[in-house]
Amino acid sequence: MGLLYSPFGAQDSTYTRAIIENITLITLILSYVNAQIGIIGDILVLLTGLVTLSLLPQLGRLNSFIVKNVRLLGSGPVLLKSDLRHHKAATLSCFA
């Protein structure tokens, strides 16, 4: 997050992060239609979760904002594994 503060400022970096999280949400919804989009969304879930957890030392305490992202870090690999499996099955069915 510190990388966003210098070019954007505090308020715009927060907006940028919110836009990235909304793009993540849209890609997760679209993963029901296309596994490749889901893989992108799953990677974004992991990245936004890691960025948010990097804020923990600055916050100094554990709150619901951090707990939500810990849950996302737990569900991210599960979603990624599922979408990779669906993508592999779809790719193999195209060649069969």
C-alpha atoms as a PDB file:
ATOM      1  CA  MET A   1       0.000   0.000   0.000  1.00  0.00           C
ATOM      2  CA  GLY A   2       2.900   2.327   0.646  1.00  0.00           C
ATOM      3  CA  LEU A   3       3.743   2.289  -3.040  1.00  0.00           C
ATOM      4  CA  LEU A   4       0.355   3.810  -3.861  1.00  0.00           C
ATOM      5  CA  TYR A   5       0.632   6.693  -1.385  1.00  0.00           C
ATOM      6  CA  SER A   6       3.407   8.602  -3.129  1.00  0.00           C
ATOM      7  CA  PRO A   7       1.884   8.766  -6.653  1.00  0.00           C
ATOM      8  CA  PHE A   8      -1.792   8.937  -5.615  1.00  0.00           C
ATOM      9  CA  GLY A   9      -1.993  10.298  -2.081  1.00  0.00           C
ATOM     10  CA  ALA A  10      -3.904   8.718   0.791  1.00  0.00           C
ATOM     11  CA  GLN A  11      -7.430   9.248  -0.509  1.00  0.00           C
ATOM     12  CA  ASP A  12      -6.794   8.223  -4.118  1.00  0.00           C
ATOM     13  CA  SER A  13      -4.825   5.149  -3.071  1.00  0.00           C
ATOM     14  CA  THR A  14      -7.844   4.057  -1.023  1.00  0.00           C
ATOM     15  CA  TYR A  15     -10.067   4.540  -4.069  1.00  0.00           C
ATOM     16  CA  THR A  16      -7.601   2.583  -6.214  1.00  0.00           C
ATOM     17  CA  ARG A  17      -7.657  -0.289  -3.740  1.00  0.00           C
ATOM     18  CA  ALA A  18     -11.462  -0.232  -3.714  1.00  0.00           C
ATOM     19  CA  ILE A  19     -11.536  -0.395  -7.523  1.00  0.00           C
ATOM     20  CA  ILE A  20      -9.173  -3.371  -7.479  1.00  0.00           C
ATOM     21  CA  GLU A  21     -11.369  -5.133  -4.909  1.00  0.00           C
ATOM     22  CA  ASN A  22     -14.464  -4.495  -7.049  1.00  0.00           C
ATOM     23  CA  ILE A  23     -12.701  -5.890 -10.114  1.00  0.00           C
ATOM     24  CA  THR A  24     -11.848  -8.926  -7.986  1.00  0.00           C
ATOM     25  CA  LEU A  25     -15.502  -9.316  -7.037  1.00  0.00           C
ATOM     26  CA  ILE A  26     -16.613  -9.127 -10.671  1.00  0.00           C
ATOM     27  CA  THR A  27     -14.043 -11.709 -11.762  1.00  0.00           C
ATOM     28  CA  LEU A  28     -15.151 -14.069  -8.987  1.00  0.00           C
ATOM     29  CA  ILE A  29     -18.765 -13.748 -10.116  1.00  0.00           C
ATOM     30  CA  LEU A  30     -17.744 -14.357 -13.736  1.00  0.00           C
ATOM     31  CA  SER A  31     -15.790 -17.464 -12.700  1.00  0.00           C
ATOM     32  CA  TYR A  32     -19.078 -19.377 -12.896  1.00  0.00           C
ATOM     33  CA  VAL A  33     -19.042 -18.721 -16.634  1.00  0.00           C
ATOM     34  CA  ASN A  34     -15.323 -18.913 -17.435  1.00  0.00           C
ATOM     35  CA  ALA A  35     -12.647 -20.655 -15.358  1.00  0.00           C
ATOM     36  CA  GLN A  36      -9.859 -18.492 -16.816  1.00  0.00           C
ATOM     37  CA  ILE A  37     -11.507 -15.344 -15.477  1.00  0.00           C
ATOM     38  CA  GLY A  38     -11.919 -17.144 -12.159  1.00  0.00           C
ATOM     39  CA  ILE A  39      -8.209 -17.893 -12.009  1.00  0.00           C
ATOM     40  CA  ILE A  40      -7.469 -14.188 -12.416  1.00  0.00           C
ATOM     41  CA  GLY A  41      -9.990 -13.382  -9.683  1.00  0.00           C
ATOM     42  CA  ASP A  42      -8.496 -15.986  -7.351  1.00  0.00           C
ATOM     43  CA  ILE A  43      -5.024 -14.527  -7.787  1.00  0.00           C
ATOM     44  CA  LEU A  44      -6.422 -11.049  -7.125  1.00  0.00           C
ATOM     45  CA  VAL A  45      -8.060 -12.376  -3.928  1.00  0.00           C
ATOM     46  CA  LEU A  46      -4.704 -13.639  -2.720  1.00  0.00           C
ATOM     47  CA  LEU A  47      -2.913 -10.406  -3.620  1.00  0.00           C
ATOM     48  CA  THR A  48      -5.466  -8.099  -1.995  1.00  0.00           C
ATOM     49  CA  GLY A  49      -5.477 -10.299   1.098  1.00  0.00           C
ATOM     50  CA  LEU A  50      -1.703 -10.092   1.381  1.00  0.00           C
ATOM     51  CA  VAL A  51      -1.720  -6.326   0.880  1.00  0.00           C
ATOM     52  CA  THR A  52      -4.339  -5.914   3.577  1.00  0.00           C
ATOM     53  CA  LEU A  53      -2.444  -8.115   5.999  1.00  0.00           C
ATOM     54  CA  SER A  54       0.603  -5.938   5.415  1.00  0.00           C
ATOM     55  CA  LEU A  55      -1.429  -3.138   7.041  1.00  0.00           C
ATOM     56  CA  LEU A  56      -1.703  -5.058  10.335  1.00  0.00           C
ATOM     57  CA  PRO A  57       1.454  -3.571  11.908  1.00  0.00           C
ATOM     58  CA  GLN A  58       0.175  -0.064  11.127  1.00  0.00           C
ATOM     59  CA  LEU A  59      -3.248  -0.735  12.635  1.00  0.00           C
ATOM     60  CA  GLY A  60      -1.745  -2.251  15.755  1.00  0.00           C
ATOM     61  CA  ARG A  61      -4.759  -4.429  16.517  1.00  0.00           C
ATOM     62  CA  LEU A  62      -6.875  -7.155  15.027  1.00  0.00           C
ATOM     63  CA  ASN A  63     -10.278  -6.015  13.780  1.00  0.00           C
ATOM     64  CA  SER A  64     -13.002  -7.298  11.467  1.00  0.00           C
ATOM     65  CA  PHE A  65     -11.306  -5.700   8.461  1.00  0.00           C
ATOM     66  CA  ILE A  66      -8.220  -7.852   8.991  1.00  0.00           C
ATOM     67  CA  VAL A  67     -10.189 -10.995   9.915  1.00  0.00           C
ATOM     68  CA  LYS A  68     -12.162 -10.708   6.656  1.00  0.00           C
ATOM     69  CA  ASN A  69      -8.941 -10.745   4.669  1.00  0.00           C
ATOM     70  CA  VAL A  70      -7.517 -13.651   6.653  1.00  0.00           C
ATOM     71  CA  ARG A  71     -10.616 -15.608   5.595  1.00  0.00           C
ATOM     72  CA  LEU A  72     -10.033 -14.529   1.997  1.00  0.00           C
ATOM     73  CA  LEU A  73      -6.449 -15.752   2.182  1.00  0.00           C
ATOM     74  CA  GLY A  74      -7.793 -19.086   3.356  1.00  0.00           C
ATOM     75  CA  SER A  75     -10.418 -19.345   0.641  1.00  0.00           C
ATOM     76  CA  GLY A  76      -8.207 -18.021  -2.175  1.00  0.00           C
ATOM     77  CA  PRO A  77      -6.164 -21.212  -2.649  1.00  0.00           C
ATOM     78  CA  VAL A  78      -9.319 -23.347  -2.488  1.00  0.00           C
ATOM     79  CA  LEU A  79     -10.970 -21.249  -5.188  1.00  0.00           C
ATOM     80  CA  LEU A  80      -7.806 -21.282  -7.276  1.00  0.00           C
ATOM     81  CA  LYS A  81      -7.539 -25.071  -7.068  1.00  0.00           C
ATOM     82  CA  SER A  82     -11.182 -25.434  -8.085  1.00  0.00           C
ATOM     83  CA  ASP A  83     -10.873 -23.070 -11.045  1.00  0.00           C
ATOM     84  CA  LEU A  84      -7.648 -24.723 -12.203  1.00  0.00           C
ATOM     85  CA  ARG A  85      -9.408 -28.084 -12.083  1.00  0.00           C
ATOM     86  CA  HIS A  86     -12.375 -26.716 -14.081  1.00  0.00           C
ATOM     87  CA  HIS A  87     -10.036 -25.107 -16.604  1.00  0.00           C
ATOM     88  CA  LYS A  88      -8.085 -28.331 -17.035  1.00  0.00           C
ATOM     89  CA  ALA A  89     -11.297 -30.333 -17.522  1.00  0.00           C
ATOM     90  CA  ALA A  90     -12.588 -27.839 -20.077  1.00  0.00           C
ATOM     91  CA  THR A  91      -9.284 -27.879 -21.947  1.00  0.00           C
ATOM     92  CA  LEU A  92      -9.176 -31.672 -22.028  1.00  0.00           C
ATOM     93  CA  SER A  93     -12.778 -31.910 -23.229  1.00  0.00           C
ATOM     94  CA  CYS A  94     -11.946 -29.629 -26.155  1.00  0.00           C
ATOM     95  CA  PHE A  95      -9.246 -32.024 -27.316  1.00  0.00           C
ATOM     96  CA  ALA A  96     -11.293 -35.198 -26.817  1.00  0.00           C
END
